[in-house]
């Protein structure tokens, strides 16, 4: 693949500590060369539905497996 990024993940977490745990688990489970993070500081539009197919990430110590980026990743949009 070529371009600025190969995958774009949209991660919704309750706070920065939860994102830090997700990021740590992801980078341990998947060999990544470069990771960039962007955070929304303010919400301009509220949505109550998330496009989830029933699979979700569970923090360490939970019952589910490590995150699999191919399940919820989409190609990076062209700029």
C-alpha atoms as a PDB file:
ATOM      1  CA  UNK A   1       0.000   0.000   0.000  1.00  0.00           C
ATOM      2  CA  UNK A   2       1.092   3.547  -0.529  1.00  0.00           C
ATOM      3  CA  UNK A   3       0.104   6.850   0.955  1.00  0.00           C
ATOM      4  CA  UNK A   4      -0.034   8.548   4.329  1.00  0.00           C
ATOM      5  CA  UNK A   5      -1.726   5.640   6.086  1.00  0.00           C
ATOM      6  CA  UNK A   6      -2.838   2.104   5.421  1.00  0.00           C
ATOM      7  CA  UNK A   7      -5.654   1.874   7.987  1.00  0.00           C
ATOM      8  CA  UNK A   8      -7.816   4.293   9.906  1.00  0.00           C
ATOM      9  CA  UNK A   9      -9.339   3.131  13.197  1.00  0.00           C
ATOM     10  CA  UNK A  10     -12.166   4.963  14.914  1.00  0.00           C
ATOM     11  CA  UNK A  11     -11.882   4.166  18.606  1.00  0.00           C
ATOM     12  CA  UNK A  12     -14.492   5.310  21.116  1.00  0.00           C
ATOM     13  CA  UNK A  13     -13.385   5.162  24.748  1.00  0.00           C
ATOM     14  CA  UNK A  14     -14.681   6.813  27.931  1.00  0.00           C
ATOM     15  CA  UNK A  15     -11.411   8.590  28.778  1.00  0.00           C
ATOM     16  CA  UNK A  16      -7.719   8.939  27.923  1.00  0.00           C
ATOM     17  CA  UNK A  17      -6.730   6.193  30.367  1.00  0.00           C
ATOM     18  CA  UNK A  18      -8.931   3.746  28.441  1.00  0.00           C
ATOM     19  CA  UNK A  19      -7.382   4.889  25.147  1.00  0.00           C
ATOM     20  CA  UNK A  20      -3.919   4.395  26.605  1.00  0.00           C
ATOM     21  CA  UNK A  21      -4.810   0.795  27.552  1.00  0.00           C
ATOM     22  CA  UNK A  22      -6.256   0.161  24.067  1.00  0.00           C
ATOM     23  CA  UNK A  23      -3.175   1.651  22.383  1.00  0.00           C
ATOM     24  CA  UNK A  24      -0.832  -0.413  24.542  1.00  0.00           C
ATOM     25  CA  UNK A  25      -2.740  -3.646  23.830  1.00  0.00           C
ATOM     26  CA  UNK A  26      -2.866  -2.884  20.096  1.00  0.00           C
ATOM     27  CA  UNK A  27       0.852  -2.188  19.776  1.00  0.00           C
ATOM     28  CA  UNK A  28       1.689  -5.376  21.687  1.00  0.00           C
ATOM     29  CA  UNK A  29      -0.677  -7.525  19.594  1.00  0.00           C
ATOM     30  CA  UNK A  30       0.132  -6.089  16.134  1.00  0.00           C
ATOM     31  CA  UNK A  31       3.589  -5.209  14.770  1.00  0.00           C
ATOM     32  CA  UNK A  32       3.236  -1.572  13.694  1.00  0.00           C
ATOM     33  CA  UNK A  33       5.853   0.654  12.128  1.00  0.00           C
ATOM     34  CA  UNK A  34       4.160   4.003  12.799  1.00  0.00           C
ATOM     35  CA  UNK A  35       1.053   5.072  14.719  1.00  0.00           C
ATOM     36  CA  UNK A  36      -0.578   8.508  14.656  1.00  0.00           C
ATOM     37  CA  UNK A  37      -3.424   9.527  16.969  1.00  0.00           C
ATOM     38  CA  UNK A  38      -5.918  12.364  16.581  1.00  0.00           C
ATOM     39  CA  UNK A  39      -8.383  13.318  19.314  1.00  0.00           C
ATOM     40  CA  UNK A  40     -11.642  15.254  19.196  1.00  0.00           C
ATOM     41  CA  UNK A  41     -11.636  17.893  21.926  1.00  0.00           C
ATOM     42  CA  UNK A  42     -15.211  18.952  21.310  1.00  0.00           C
ATOM     43  CA  UNK A  43     -18.266  17.247  19.864  1.00  0.00           C
ATOM     44  CA  UNK A  44     -20.118  19.188  17.186  1.00  0.00           C
ATOM     45  CA  UNK A  45     -22.656  16.463  16.478  1.00  0.00           C
ATOM     46  CA  UNK A  46     -23.907  13.733  18.794  1.00  0.00           C
ATOM     47  CA  UNK A  47     -24.623  10.280  17.417  1.00  0.00           C
ATOM     48  CA  UNK A  48     -26.001   7.521  19.569  1.00  0.00           C
ATOM     49  CA  UNK A  49     -25.437   4.616  17.172  1.00  0.00           C
ATOM     50  CA  UNK A  50     -22.014   3.150  16.424  1.00  0.00           C
ATOM     51  CA  UNK A  51     -21.456   0.988  13.336  1.00  0.00           C
ATOM     52  CA  UNK A  52     -20.489  -2.113  15.335  1.00  0.00           C
ATOM     53  CA  UNK A  53     -21.164  -5.662  14.218  1.00  0.00           C
ATOM     54  CA  UNK A  54     -21.305  -7.177  17.709  1.00  0.00           C
ATOM     55  CA  UNK A  55     -17.533  -7.560  18.140  1.00  0.00           C
ATOM     56  CA  UNK A  56     -15.758  -5.233  20.538  1.00  0.00           C
ATOM     57  CA  UNK A  57     -12.530  -4.720  22.395  1.00  0.00           C
ATOM     58  CA  UNK A  58     -12.365  -5.703  26.065  1.00  0.00           C
ATOM     59  CA  UNK A  59      -9.699  -4.300  28.419  1.00  0.00           C
ATOM     60  CA  UNK A  60      -6.904  -6.567  29.644  1.00  0.00           C
ATOM     61  CA  UNK A  61      -8.145  -9.176  32.049  1.00  0.00           C
ATOM     62  CA  UNK A  62     -11.417  -9.476  30.130  1.00  0.00           C
ATOM     63  CA  UNK A  63     -12.579 -12.517  28.233  1.00  0.00           C
ATOM     64  CA  UNK A  64     -12.076 -11.412  24.624  1.00  0.00           C
ATOM     65  CA  UNK A  65      -8.960 -11.720  22.484  1.00  0.00           C
ATOM     66  CA  UNK A  66      -6.506  -8.963  21.610  1.00  0.00           C
ATOM     67  CA  UNK A  67      -7.797  -6.344  19.130  1.00  0.00           C
ATOM     68  CA  UNK A  68      -7.746  -7.328  15.483  1.00  0.00           C
ATOM     69  CA  UNK A  69      -7.444  -4.167  13.363  1.00  0.00           C
ATOM     70  CA  UNK A  70      -8.642  -5.946  10.223  1.00  0.00           C
ATOM     71  CA  UNK A  71     -12.085  -6.378  11.809  1.00  0.00           C
ATOM     72  CA  UNK A  72     -12.808  -2.683  12.341  1.00  0.00           C
ATOM     73  CA  UNK A  73     -10.291  -0.948  10.120  1.00  0.00           C
ATOM     74  CA  UNK A  74     -10.999   0.812   6.883  1.00  0.00           C
ATOM     75  CA  UNK A  75      -8.571   2.088   4.278  1.00  0.00           C
ATOM     76  CA  UNK A  76      -7.380   5.620   4.933  1.00  0.00           C
ATOM     77  CA  UNK A  77      -9.476   8.135   2.993  1.00  0.00           C
ATOM     78  CA  UNK A  78      -7.676   9.835   0.126  1.00  0.00           C
ATOM     79  CA  UNK A  79      -6.692  13.440   0.750  1.00  0.00           C
END
